[in-house]
Amino acid sequence: MNIQIHRESGRIITMNAPQNNPQLVSLDVEPPKEVKDNPHLYVWDGARFVLDSVIQEEQKRVSRLAAAKRYLAETDFYITRKLETGAAVPKAISQKRNKARALLADNLPEFEQ
């Protein structure tokens, strides 16, 4: 497969659609299926295609936010139980819920001016 990458960034620009551009380098390699399916997520590091570090960090951030939301949803019953019966929320659960809420609050979208 003919893949063209940007000379400086290593980003995939074309796959089997060569362009005449001095900023592009042609590679004759067969990329893995995940690279073929999502070329915009990968860069060439000189030896192989790797997940772009910026995208990797964004995926980690999104994963952490999803985990925080999931944890809050999974432990909401402790809060309901406290309201209905007065039973205490375990300290470890309360501490983790506080961390999850703080993480989510720190990552709110900008909507105020």
PDB file of N, CA and C in Angstrom:
ATOM      1  N   MET A   1       0.853  -1.167   0.000  1.00  0.00           N
ATOM      2  CA  MET A   1       0.000   0.000   0.000  1.00  0.00           C
ATOM      3  C   MET A   1       0.901   1.233   0.000  1.00  0.00           C
ATOM      4  N   ASN A   2       0.549   2.209  -0.803  1.00  0.00           N
ATOM      5  CA  ASN A   2       1.310   3.448  -0.841  1.00  0.00           C
ATOM      6  C   ASN A   2       0.666   4.443   0.115  1.00  0.00           C
ATOM      7  N   ILE A   3       1.430   4.817   1.126  1.00  0.00           N
ATOM      8  CA  ILE A   3       0.951   5.766   2.127  1.00  0.00           C
ATOM      9  C   ILE A   3       1.871   6.972   2.091  1.00  0.00           C
ATOM     10  N   GLN A   4       1.283   8.151   2.100  1.00  0.00           N
ATOM     11  CA  GLN A   4       2.091   9.362   2.181  1.00  0.00           C
ATOM     12  C   GLN A   4       1.884  10.005   3.541  1.00  0.00           C
ATOM     13  N   ILE A   5       3.013  10.345   4.151  1.00  0.00           N
ATOM     14  CA  ILE A   5       2.979  10.990   5.454  1.00  0.00           C
ATOM     15  C   ILE A   5       3.613  12.371   5.334  1.00  0.00           C
ATOM     16  N   HIS A   6       3.235  13.239   6.224  1.00  0.00           N
ATOM     17  CA  HIS A   6       3.846  14.565   6.266  1.00  0.00           C
ATOM     18  C   HIS A   6       5.263  14.411   6.798  1.00  0.00           C
ATOM     19  N   ARG A   7       6.199  15.006   6.107  1.00  0.00           N
ATOM     20  CA  ARG A   7       7.627  14.865   6.408  1.00  0.00           C
ATOM     21  C   ARG A   7       7.954  15.217   7.864  1.00  0.00           C
ATOM     22  N   GLU A   8       7.373  16.268   8.391  1.00  0.00           N
ATOM     23  CA  GLU A   8       7.722  16.723   9.744  1.00  0.00           C
ATOM     24  C   GLU A   8       6.875  16.089  10.846  1.00  0.00           C
ATOM     25  N   SER A   9       5.578  16.017  10.624  1.00  0.00           N
ATOM     26  CA  SER A   9       4.695  15.537  11.691  1.00  0.00           C
ATOM     27  C   SER A   9       4.517  14.026  11.710  1.00  0.00           C
ATOM     28  N   GLY A  10       4.732  13.363  10.562  1.00  0.00           N
ATOM     29  CA  GLY A  10       4.497  11.928  10.485  1.00  0.00           C
ATOM     30  C   GLY A  10       3.036  11.560  10.313  1.00  0.00           C
ATOM     31  N   ARG A  11       2.173  12.562  10.214  1.00  0.00           N
ATOM     32  CA  ARG A  11       0.747  12.298  10.032  1.00  0.00           C
ATOM     33  C   ARG A  11       0.476  11.691   8.661  1.00  0.00           C
ATOM     34  N   ILE A  12      -0.480  10.781   8.617  1.00  0.00           N
ATOM     35  CA  ILE A  12      -0.885  10.166   7.361  1.00  0.00           C
ATOM     36  C   ILE A  12      -1.718  11.178   6.578  1.00  0.00           C
ATOM     37  N   ILE A  13      -1.302  11.422   5.340  1.00  0.00           N
ATOM     38  CA  ILE A  13      -2.005  12.374   4.485  1.00  0.00           C
ATOM     39  C   ILE A  13      -2.825  11.647   3.431  1.00  0.00           C
ATOM     40  N   THR A  14      -2.246  10.627   2.779  1.00  0.00           N
ATOM     41  CA  THR A  14      -2.991   9.870   1.775  1.00  0.00           C
ATOM     42  C   THR A  14      -2.697   8.383   1.917  1.00  0.00           C
ATOM     43  N   MET A  15      -3.649   7.589   1.457  1.00  0.00           N
ATOM     44  CA  MET A  15      -3.488   6.140   1.381  1.00  0.00           C
ATOM     45  C   MET A  15      -3.911   5.735  -0.025  1.00  0.00           C
ATOM     46  N   ASN A  16      -2.962   5.255  -0.811  1.00  0.00           N
ATOM     47  CA  ASN A  16      -3.203   4.849  -2.204  1.00  0.00           C
ATOM     48  C   ASN A  16      -3.798   5.964  -3.052  1.00  0.00           C
ATOM     49  N   ALA A  17      -3.424   7.198  -2.744  1.00  0.00           N
ATOM     50  CA  ALA A  17      -3.849   8.352  -3.543  1.00  0.00           C
ATOM     51  C   ALA A  17      -2.703   9.360  -3.542  1.00  0.00           C
ATOM     52  N   PRO A  18      -1.585   8.983  -4.146  1.00  0.00           N
ATOM     53  CA  PRO A  18      -0.384   9.823  -4.063  1.00  0.00           C
ATOM     54  C   PRO A  18      -0.582  11.235  -4.594  1.00  0.00           C
ATOM     55  N   GLN A  19       0.059  12.160  -3.905  1.00  0.00           N
ATOM     56  CA  GLN A  19       0.057  13.564  -4.308  1.00  0.00           C
ATOM     57  C   GLN A  19       1.495  13.988  -4.577  1.00  0.00           C
ATOM     58  N   ASN A  20       1.650  14.905  -5.472  1.00  0.00           N
ATOM     59  CA  ASN A  20       2.965  15.444  -5.773  1.00  0.00           C
ATOM     60  C   ASN A  20       3.187  16.656  -4.874  1.00  0.00           C
ATOM     61  N   ASN A  21       3.789  16.412  -3.717  1.00  0.00           N
ATOM     62  CA  ASN A  21       3.987  17.465  -2.734  1.00  0.00           C
ATOM     63  C   ASN A  21       5.325  17.206  -2.044  1.00  0.00           C
ATOM     64  N   PRO A  22       6.240  18.163  -2.053  1.00  0.00           N
ATOM     65  CA  PRO A  22       7.557  17.950  -1.455  1.00  0.00           C
ATOM     66  C   PRO A  22       7.516  17.777   0.067  1.00  0.00           C
ATOM     67  N   GLN A  23       6.410  18.142   0.685  1.00  0.00           N
ATOM     68  CA  GLN A  23       6.289  17.972   2.137  1.00  0.00           C
ATOM     69  C   GLN A  23       5.872  16.545   2.525  1.00  0.00           C
ATOM     70  N   LEU A  24       5.571  15.718   1.519  1.00  0.00           N
ATOM     71  CA  LEU A  24       5.102  14.364   1.787  1.00  0.00           C
ATOM     72  C   LEU A  24       6.174  13.338   1.464  1.00  0.00           C
ATOM     73  N   VAL A  25       6.211  12.302   2.264  1.00  0.00           N
ATOM     74  CA  VAL A  25       7.121  11.181   2.065  1.00  0.00           C
ATOM     75  C   VAL A  25       6.262   9.957   1.780  1.00  0.00           C
ATOM     76  N   SER A  26       6.623   9.189   0.757  1.00  0.00           N
ATOM     77  CA  SER A  26       5.867   7.978   0.419  1.00  0.00           C
ATOM     78  C   SER A  26       6.459   6.775   1.130  1.00  0.00           C
ATOM     79  N   LEU A  27       5.579   5.926   1.634  1.00  0.00           N
ATOM     80  CA  LEU A  27       5.969   4.669   2.273  1.00  0.00           C
ATOM     81  C   LEU A  27       5.256   3.539   1.552  1.00  0.00           C
ATOM     82  N   ASP A  28       5.955   2.459   1.340  1.00  0.00           N
ATOM     83  CA  ASP A  28       5.322   1.278   0.762  1.00  0.00           C
ATOM     84  C   ASP A  28       5.221   0.240   1.874  1.00  0.00           C
ATOM     85  N   VAL A  29       4.177   0.391   2.709  1.00  0.00           N
ATOM     86  CA  VAL A  29       3.979  -0.490   3.864  1.00  0.00           C
ATOM     87  C   VAL A  29       2.517  -0.908   3.925  1.00  0.00           C
ATOM     88  N   GLU A  30       2.282  -2.013   4.579  1.00  0.00           N
ATOM     89  CA  GLU A  30       0.917  -2.473   4.812  1.00  0.00           C
ATOM     90  C   GLU A  30       0.579  -2.181   6.278  1.00  0.00           C
ATOM     91  N   PRO A  31      -0.234  -1.148   6.523  1.00  0.00           N
ATOM     92  CA  PRO A  31      -0.544  -0.796   7.914  1.00  0.00           C
ATOM     93  C   PRO A  31      -1.522  -1.786   8.538  1.00  0.00           C
ATOM     94  N   PRO A  32      -1.503  -1.880   9.859  1.00  0.00           N
ATOM     95  CA  PRO A  32      -2.489  -2.728  10.543  1.00  0.00           C
ATOM     96  C   PRO A  32      -3.909  -2.226  10.295  1.00  0.00           C
ATOM     97  N   LYS A  33      -4.885  -3.083  10.511  1.00  0.00           N
ATOM     98  CA  LYS A  33      -6.289  -2.755  10.259  1.00  0.00           C
ATOM     99  C   LYS A  33      -6.727  -1.506  11.006  1.00  0.00           C
ATOM    100  N   GLU A  34      -6.311  -1.359  12.276  1.00  0.00           N
ATOM    101  CA  GLU A  34      -6.750  -0.191  13.045  1.00  0.00           C
ATOM    102  C   GLU A  34      -6.235   1.121  12.446  1.00  0.00           C
ATOM    103  N   VAL A  35      -5.060   1.073  11.812  1.00  0.00           N
ATOM    104  CA  VAL A  35      -4.525   2.264  11.145  1.00  0.00           C
ATOM    105  C   VAL A  35      -5.322   2.541   9.874  1.00  0.00           C
ATOM    106  N   LYS A  36      -5.635   1.491   9.117  1.00  0.00           N
ATOM    107  CA  LYS A  36      -6.447   1.668   7.902  1.00  0.00           C
ATOM    108  C   LYS A  36      -7.822   2.240   8.237  1.00  0.00           C
ATOM    109  N   ASP A  37      -8.399   1.760   9.330  1.00  0.00           N
ATOM    110  CA  ASP A  37      -9.739   2.193   9.717  1.00  0.00           C
ATOM    111  C   ASP A  37      -9.770   3.620  10.261  1.00  0.00           C
ATOM    112  N   ASN A  38      -8.681   4.039  10.914  1.00  0.00           N
ATOM    113  CA  ASN A  38      -8.636   5.359  11.550  1.00  0.00           C
ATOM    114  C   ASN A  38      -7.288   6.028  11.334  1.00  0.00           C
ATOM    115  N   PRO A  39      -6.922   6.308  10.092  1.00  0.00           N
ATOM    116  CA  PRO A  39      -5.585   6.855   9.834  1.00  0.00           C
ATOM    117  C   PRO A  39      -5.323   8.195  10.521  1.00  0.00           C
ATOM    118  N   HIS A  40      -6.372   8.964  10.785  1.00  0.00           N
ATOM    119  CA  HIS A  40      -6.202  10.266  11.425  1.00  0.00           C
ATOM    120  C   HIS A  40      -5.717  10.161  12.877  1.00  0.00           C
ATOM    121  N   LEU A  41      -5.784   8.960  13.461  1.00  0.00           N
ATOM    122  CA  LEU A  41      -5.353   8.778  14.843  1.00  0.00           C
ATOM    123  C   LEU A  41      -3.881   8.393  14.981  1.00  0.00           C
ATOM    124  N   TYR A  42      -3.223   8.120  13.852  1.00  0.00           N
ATOM    125  CA  TYR A  42      -1.873   7.555  13.901  1.00  0.00           C
ATOM    126  C   TYR A  42      -0.837   8.437  13.215  1.00  0.00           C
ATOM    127  N   VAL A  43       0.398   8.278  13.667  1.00  0.00           N
ATOM    128  CA  VAL A  43       1.546   8.935  13.038  1.00  0.00           C
ATOM    129  C   VAL A  43       2.634   7.889  12.827  1.00  0.00           C
ATOM    130  N   TRP A  44       3.510   8.171  11.881  1.00  0.00           N
ATOM    131  CA  TRP A  44       4.653   7.303  11.574  1.00  0.00           C
ATOM    132  C   TRP A  44       5.812   7.770  12.443  1.00  0.00           C
ATOM    133  N   ASP A  45       6.405   6.852  13.217  1.00  0.00           N
ATOM    134  CA  ASP A  45       7.517   7.247  14.091  1.00  0.00           C
ATOM    135  C   ASP A  45       8.884   6.936  13.492  1.00  0.00           C
ATOM    136  N   GLY A  46       8.891   6.562  12.220  1.00  0.00           N
ATOM    137  CA  GLY A  46      10.135   6.220  11.546  1.00  0.00           C
ATOM    138  C   GLY A  46      10.293   4.726  11.354  1.00  0.00           C
ATOM    139  N   ALA A  47       9.543   3.942  12.127  1.00  0.00           N
ATOM    140  CA  ALA A  47       9.618   2.488  12.031  1.00  0.00           C
ATOM    141  C   ALA A  47       8.238   1.834  11.947  1.00  0.00           C
ATOM    142  N   ARG A  48       7.253   2.496  12.551  1.00  0.00           N
ATOM    143  CA  ARG A  48       5.911   1.920  12.580  1.00  0.00           C
ATOM    144  C   ARG A  48       4.892   3.011  12.851  1.00  0.00           C
ATOM    145  N   PHE A  49       3.611   2.672  12.689  1.00  0.00           N
ATOM    146  CA  PHE A  49       2.551   3.608  13.000  1.00  0.00           C
ATOM    147  C   PHE A  49       2.216   3.491  14.479  1.00  0.00           C
ATOM    148  N   VAL A  50       2.141   4.634  15.141  1.00  0.00           N
ATOM    149  CA  VAL A  50       1.804   4.673  16.566  1.00  0.00           C
ATOM    150  C   VAL A  50       0.670   5.669  16.767  1.00  0.00           C
ATOM    151  N   LEU A  51      -0.087   5.441  17.818  1.00  0.00           N
ATOM    152  CA  LEU A  51      -1.166   6.351  18.152  1.00  0.00           C
ATOM    153  C   LEU A  51      -0.579   7.721  18.458  1.00  0.00           C
ATOM    154  N   ASP A  52      -1.131   8.751  17.864  1.00  0.00           N
ATOM    155  CA  ASP A  52      -0.659  10.116  18.065  1.00  0.00           C
ATOM    156  C   ASP A  52      -0.711  10.460  19.556  1.00  0.00           C
ATOM    157  N   SER A  53       0.354  11.043  20.086  1.00  0.00           N
ATOM    158  CA  SER A  53       0.443  11.314  21.527  1.00  0.00           C
ATOM    159  C   SER A  53      -0.638  12.282  21.998  1.00  0.00           C
ATOM    160  N   VAL A  54      -0.994  13.260  21.181  1.00  0.00           N
ATOM    161  CA  VAL A  54      -2.052  14.200  21.564  1.00  0.00           C
ATOM    162  C   VAL A  54      -3.379  13.458  21.667  1.00  0.00           C
ATOM    163  N   ILE A  55      -3.628  12.600  20.701  1.00  0.00           N
ATOM    164  CA  ILE A  55      -4.869  11.820  20.708  1.00  0.00           C
ATOM    165  C   ILE A  55      -4.858  10.833  21.867  1.00  0.00           C
ATOM    166  N   GLN A  56      -3.702  10.236  22.139  1.00  0.00           N
ATOM    167  CA  GLN A  56      -3.576   9.324  23.276  1.00  0.00           C
ATOM    168  C   GLN A  56      -3.956  10.028  24.576  1.00  0.00           C
ATOM    169  N   GLU A  57      -3.427  11.216  24.772  1.00  0.00           N
ATOM    170  CA  GLU A  57      -3.739  11.970  25.990  1.00  0.00           C
ATOM    171  C   GLU A  57      -5.219  12.313  26.061  1.00  0.00           C
ATOM    172  N   GLU A  58      -5.799  12.682  24.931  1.00  0.00           N
ATOM    173  CA  GLU A  58      -7.224  12.999  24.906  1.00  0.00           C
ATOM    174  C   GLU A  58      -8.056  11.759  25.222  1.00  0.00           C
ATOM    175  N   GLN A  59      -7.665  10.618  24.686  1.00  0.00           N
ATOM    176  CA  GLN A  59      -8.391   9.377  24.983  1.00  0.00           C
ATOM    177  C   GLN A  59      -8.283   9.022  26.462  1.00  0.00           C
ATOM    178  N   LYS A  60      -7.108   9.233  27.057  1.00  0.00           N
ATOM    179  CA  LYS A  60      -6.945   8.993  28.499  1.00  0.00           C
ATOM    180  C   LYS A  60      -7.851   9.919  29.295  1.00  0.00           C
ATOM    181  N   ARG A  61      -7.878  11.200  28.900  1.00  0.00           N
ATOM    182  CA  ARG A  61      -8.714  12.177  29.601  1.00  0.00           C
ATOM    183  C   ARG A  61     -10.187  11.794  29.506  1.00  0.00           C
ATOM    184  N   VAL A  62     -10.634  11.451  28.312  1.00  0.00           N
ATOM    185  CA  VAL A  62     -12.031  11.066  28.105  1.00  0.00           C
ATOM    186  C   VAL A  62     -12.356   9.798  28.896  1.00  0.00           C
ATOM    187  N   SER A  63     -11.420   8.864  28.920  1.00  0.00           N
ATOM    188  CA  SER A  63     -11.616   7.621  29.663  1.00  0.00           C
ATOM    189  C   SER A  63     -11.739   7.890  31.166  1.00  0.00           C
ATOM    190  N   ARG A  64     -10.895   8.792  31.682  1.00  0.00           N
ATOM    191  CA  ARG A  64     -10.962   9.139  33.109  1.00  0.00           C
ATOM    192  C   ARG A  64     -12.292   9.800  33.443  1.00  0.00           C
ATOM    193  N   LEU A  65     -12.748  10.695  32.572  1.00  0.00           N
ATOM    194  CA  LEU A  65     -14.034  11.354  32.815  1.00  0.00           C
ATOM    195  C   LEU A  65     -15.180  10.348  32.791  1.00  0.00           C
ATOM    196  N   ALA A  66     -15.132   9.429  31.839  1.00  0.00           N
ATOM    197  CA  ALA A  66     -16.172   8.394  31.756  1.00  0.00           C
ATOM    198  C   ALA A  66     -16.151   7.509  32.999  1.00  0.00           C
ATOM    199  N   ALA A  67     -14.952   7.169  33.468  1.00  0.00           N
ATOM    200  CA  ALA A  67     -14.840   6.342  34.677  1.00  0.00           C
ATOM    201  C   ALA A  67     -15.401   7.083  35.893  1.00  0.00           C
ATOM    202  N   ALA A  68     -15.141   8.383  35.976  1.00  0.00           N
ATOM    203  CA  ALA A  68     -15.667   9.176  37.091  1.00  0.00           C
ATOM    204  C   ALA A  68     -17.195   9.209  37.052  1.00  0.00           C
ATOM    205  N   LYS A  69     -17.762   9.432  35.865  1.00  0.00           N
ATOM    206  CA  LYS A  69     -19.225   9.446  35.727  1.00  0.00           C
ATOM    207  C   LYS A  69     -19.817   8.085  36.096  1.00  0.00           C
ATOM    208  N   ARG A  70     -19.155   7.038  35.613  1.00  0.00           N
ATOM    209  CA  ARG A  70     -19.629   5.677  35.889  1.00  0.00           C
ATOM    210  C   ARG A  70     -19.585   5.386  37.393  1.00  0.00           C
ATOM    211  N   TYR A  71     -18.496   5.791  38.048  1.00  0.00           N
ATOM    212  CA  TYR A  71     -18.361   5.550  39.487  1.00  0.00           C
ATOM    213  C   TYR A  71     -19.469   6.268  40.255  1.00  0.00           C
ATOM    214  N   LEU A  72     -19.728   7.515  39.887  1.00  0.00           N
ATOM    215  CA  LEU A  72     -20.798   8.241  40.569  1.00  0.00           C
ATOM    216  C   LEU A  72     -22.143   7.549  40.363  1.00  0.00           C
ATOM    217  N   ALA A  73     -22.418   7.125  39.147  1.00  0.00           N
ATOM    218  CA  ALA A  73     -23.686   6.441  38.871  1.00  0.00           C
ATOM    219  C   ALA A  73     -23.793   5.124  39.645  1.00  0.00           C
ATOM    220  N   GLU A  74     -22.677   4.389  39.710  1.00  0.00           N
ATOM    221  CA  GLU A  74     -22.687   3.089  40.382  1.00  0.00           C
ATOM    222  C   GLU A  74     -22.796   3.209  41.893  1.00  0.00           C
ATOM    223  N   THR A  75     -22.440   4.349  42.453  1.00  0.00           N
ATOM    224  CA  THR A  75     -22.478   4.506  43.906  1.00  0.00           C
ATOM    225  C   THR A  75     -23.576   5.463  44.361  1.00  0.00           C
ATOM    226  N   ASP A  76     -24.420   5.903  43.446  1.00  0.00           N
ATOM    227  CA  ASP A  76     -25.531   6.793  43.813  1.00  0.00           C
ATOM    228  C   ASP A  76     -26.458   6.149  44.842  1.00  0.00           C
ATOM    229  N   PHE A  77     -26.546   4.826  44.833  1.00  0.00           N
ATOM    230  CA  PHE A  77     -27.466   4.169  45.766  1.00  0.00           C
ATOM    231  C   PHE A  77     -27.078   4.440  47.218  1.00  0.00           C
ATOM    232  N   TYR A  78     -25.788   4.673  47.482  1.00  0.00           N
ATOM    233  CA  TYR A  78     -25.372   5.004  48.851  1.00  0.00           C
ATOM    234  C   TYR A  78     -26.006   6.324  49.298  1.00  0.00           C
ATOM    235  N   ILE A  79     -26.077   7.277  48.387  1.00  0.00           N
ATOM    236  CA  ILE A  79     -26.653   8.577  48.709  1.00  0.00           C
ATOM    237  C   ILE A  79     -28.163   8.439  48.910  1.00  0.00           C
ATOM    238  N   THR A  80     -28.804   7.674  48.035  1.00  0.00           N
ATOM    239  CA  THR A  80     -30.238   7.432  48.177  1.00  0.00           C
ATOM    240  C   THR A  80     -30.526   6.725  49.496  1.00  0.00           C
ATOM    241  N   ARG A  81     -29.721   5.715  49.809  1.00  0.00           N
ATOM    242  CA  ARG A  81     -29.896   4.968  51.060  1.00  0.00           C
ATOM    243  C   ARG A  81     -29.741   5.902  52.262  1.00  0.00           C
ATOM    244  N   LYS A  82     -28.748   6.795  52.201  1.00  0.00           N
ATOM    245  CA  LYS A  82     -28.528   7.755  53.300  1.00  0.00           C
ATOM    246  C   LYS A  82     -29.752   8.649  53.482  1.00  0.00           C
ATOM    247  N   LEU A  83     -30.298   9.136  52.368  1.00  0.00           N
ATOM    248  CA  LEU A  83     -31.470  10.005  52.442  1.00  0.00           C
ATOM    249  C   LEU A  83     -32.698   9.257  52.965  1.00  0.00           C
ATOM    250  N   GLU A  84     -32.852   7.999  52.535  1.00  0.00           N
ATOM    251  CA  GLU A  84     -34.049   7.246  52.908  1.00  0.00           C
ATOM    252  C   GLU A  84     -33.962   6.617  54.291  1.00  0.00           C
ATOM    253  N   THR A  85     -32.765   6.160  54.679  1.00  0.00           N
ATOM    254  CA  THR A  85     -32.659   5.404  55.937  1.00  0.00           C
ATOM    255  C   THR A  85     -31.724   6.040  56.953  1.00  0.00           C
ATOM    256  N   GLY A  86     -30.907   6.973  56.515  1.00  0.00           N
ATOM    257  CA  GLY A  86     -29.947   7.582  57.427  1.00  0.00           C
ATOM    258  C   GLY A  86     -28.653   6.790  57.552  1.00  0.00           C
ATOM    259  N   ALA A  87     -28.531   5.652  56.829  1.00  0.00           N
ATOM    260  CA  ALA A  87     -27.310   4.831  56.898  1.00  0.00           C
ATOM    261  C   ALA A  87     -26.144   5.626  56.312  1.00  0.00           C
ATOM    262  N   ALA A  88     -25.028   5.556  56.993  1.00  0.00           N
ATOM    263  CA  ALA A  88     -23.850   6.321  56.580  1.00  0.00           C
ATOM    264  C   ALA A  88     -23.277   5.804  55.261  1.00  0.00           C
ATOM    265  N   VAL A  89     -22.736   6.737  54.517  1.00  0.00           N
ATOM    266  CA  VAL A  89     -21.995   6.389  53.306  1.00  0.00           C
ATOM    267  C   VAL A  89     -20.585   6.030  53.758  1.00  0.00           C
ATOM    268  N   PRO A  90     -20.056   4.855  53.357  1.00  0.00           N
ATOM    269  CA  PRO A  90     -18.692   4.504  53.766  1.00  0.00           C
ATOM    270  C   PRO A  90     -17.702   5.610  53.385  1.00  0.00           C
ATOM    271  N   LYS A  91     -16.739   5.850  54.278  1.00  0.00           N
ATOM    272  CA  LYS A  91     -15.783   6.940  54.083  1.00  0.00           C
ATOM    273  C   LYS A  91     -15.028   6.810  52.762  1.00  0.00           C
ATOM    274  N   ALA A  92     -14.584   5.604  52.411  1.00  0.00           N
ATOM    275  CA  ALA A  92     -13.824   5.396  51.171  1.00  0.00           C
ATOM    276  C   ALA A  92     -14.679   5.749  49.952  1.00  0.00           C
ATOM    277  N   ILE A  93     -15.954   5.402  50.005  1.00  0.00           N
ATOM    278  CA  ILE A  93     -16.871   5.715  48.904  1.00  0.00           C
ATOM    279  C   ILE A  93     -17.050   7.224  48.810  1.00  0.00           C
ATOM    280  N   SER A  94     -17.266   7.863  49.933  1.00  0.00           N
ATOM    281  CA  SER A  94     -17.452   9.312  49.953  1.00  0.00           C
ATOM    282  C   SER A  94     -16.222  10.040  49.418  1.00  0.00           C
ATOM    283  N   GLN A  95     -15.033   9.590  49.797  1.00  0.00           N
ATOM    284  CA  GLN A  95     -13.796  10.214  49.328  1.00  0.00           C
ATOM    285  C   GLN A  95     -13.635  10.066  47.812  1.00  0.00           C
ATOM    286  N   LYS A  96     -13.904   8.847  47.307  1.00  0.00           N
ATOM    287  CA  LYS A  96     -13.785   8.638  45.858  1.00  0.00           C
ATOM    288  C   LYS A  96     -14.833   9.423  45.092  1.00  0.00           C
ATOM    289  N   ARG A  97     -16.024   9.541  45.658  1.00  0.00           N
ATOM    290  CA  ARG A  97     -17.063  10.341  44.995  1.00  0.00           C
ATOM    291  C   ARG A  97     -16.635  11.806  44.932  1.00  0.00           C
ATOM    292  N   ASN A  98     -16.016  12.290  46.001  1.00  0.00           N
ATOM    293  CA  ASN A  98     -15.522  13.675  46.005  1.00  0.00           C
ATOM    294  C   ASN A  98     -14.468  13.867  44.918  1.00  0.00           C
ATOM    295  N   LYS A  99     -13.556  12.895  44.763  1.00  0.00           N
ATOM    296  CA  LYS A  99     -12.529  12.987  43.714  1.00  0.00           C
ATOM    297  C   LYS A  99     -13.163  12.965  42.326  1.00  0.00           C
ATOM    298  N   ALA A 100     -14.145  12.092  42.145  1.00  0.00           N
ATOM    299  CA  ALA A 100     -14.814  11.984  40.847  1.00  0.00           C
ATOM    300  C   ALA A 100     -15.525  13.290  40.496  1.00  0.00           C
ATOM    301  N   ARG A 101     -16.236  13.863  41.471  1.00  0.00           N
ATOM    302  CA  ARG A 101     -16.924  15.137  41.220  1.00  0.00           C
ATOM    303  C   ARG A 101     -15.932  16.249  40.911  1.00  0.00           C
ATOM    304  N   ALA A 102     -14.817  16.282  41.630  1.00  0.00           N
ATOM    305  CA  ALA A 102     -13.796  17.317  41.392  1.00  0.00           C
ATOM    306  C   ALA A 102     -13.215  17.178  39.985  1.00  0.00           C
ATOM    307  N   LEU A 103     -12.932  15.948  39.575  1.00  0.00           N
ATOM    308  CA  LEU A 103     -12.403  15.718  38.232  1.00  0.00           C
ATOM    309  C   LEU A 103     -13.389  16.210  37.174  1.00  0.00           C
ATOM    310  N   LEU A 104     -14.652  15.874  37.352  1.00  0.00           N
ATOM    311  CA  LEU A 104     -15.671  16.307  36.393  1.00  0.00           C
ATOM    312  C   LEU A 104     -15.847  17.819  36.417  1.00  0.00           C
ATOM    313  N   ALA A 105     -15.813  18.413  37.583  1.00  0.00           N
ATOM    314  CA  ALA A 105     -15.963  19.874  37.692  1.00  0.00           C
ATOM    315  C   ALA A 105     -14.794  20.595  37.033  1.00  0.00           C
ATOM    316  N   ASP A 106     -13.596  20.036  37.155  1.00  0.00           N
ATOM    317  CA  ASP A 106     -12.413  20.651  36.536  1.00  0.00           C
ATOM    318  C   ASP A 106     -12.448  20.567  35.025  1.00  0.00           C
ATOM    319  N   ASN A 107     -13.278  19.709  34.486  1.00  0.00           N
ATOM    320  CA  ASN A 107     -13.325  19.497  33.040  1.00  0.00           C
ATOM    321  C   ASN A 107     -14.657  19.917  32.428  1.00  0.00           C
ATOM    322  N   LEU A 108     -15.333  20.845  33.069  1.00  0.00           N
ATOM    323  CA  LEU A 108     -16.566  21.368  32.502  1.00  0.00           C
ATOM    324  C   LEU A 108     -16.261  22.154  31.241  1.00  0.00           C
ATOM    325  N   PRO A 109     -17.161  22.103  30.277  1.00  0.00           N
ATOM    326  CA  PRO A 109     -16.942  22.898  29.062  1.00  0.00           C
ATOM    327  C   PRO A 109     -17.026  24.384  29.396  1.00  0.00           C
ATOM    328  N   GLU A 110     -16.339  25.184  28.612  1.00  0.00           N
ATOM    329  CA  GLU A 110     -16.394  26.635  28.799  1.00  0.00           C
ATOM    330  C   GLU A 110     -17.725  27.140  28.272  1.00  0.00           C
ATOM    331  N   PHE A 111     -18.537  27.680  29.155  1.00  0.00           N
ATOM    332  CA  PHE A 111     -19.820  28.216  28.729  1.00  0.00           C
ATOM    333  C   PHE A 111     -20.070  29.599  29.309  1.00  0.00           C
ATOM    334  N   GLU A 112     -19.204  30.031  30.204  1.00  0.00           N
ATOM    335  CA  GLU A 112     -19.347  31.368  30.782  1.00  0.00           C
ATOM    336  C   GLU A 112     -18.349  32.302  30.131  1.00  0.00           C
ATOM    337  N   GLN A 113     -18.716  33.567  30.031  1.00  0.00           N
ATOM    338  CA  GLN A 113     -17.796  34.546  29.444  1.00  0.00           C
ATOM    339  C   GLN A 113     -17.388  35.584  30.424  1.00  0.00           C
TER     340      GLN A 113
END
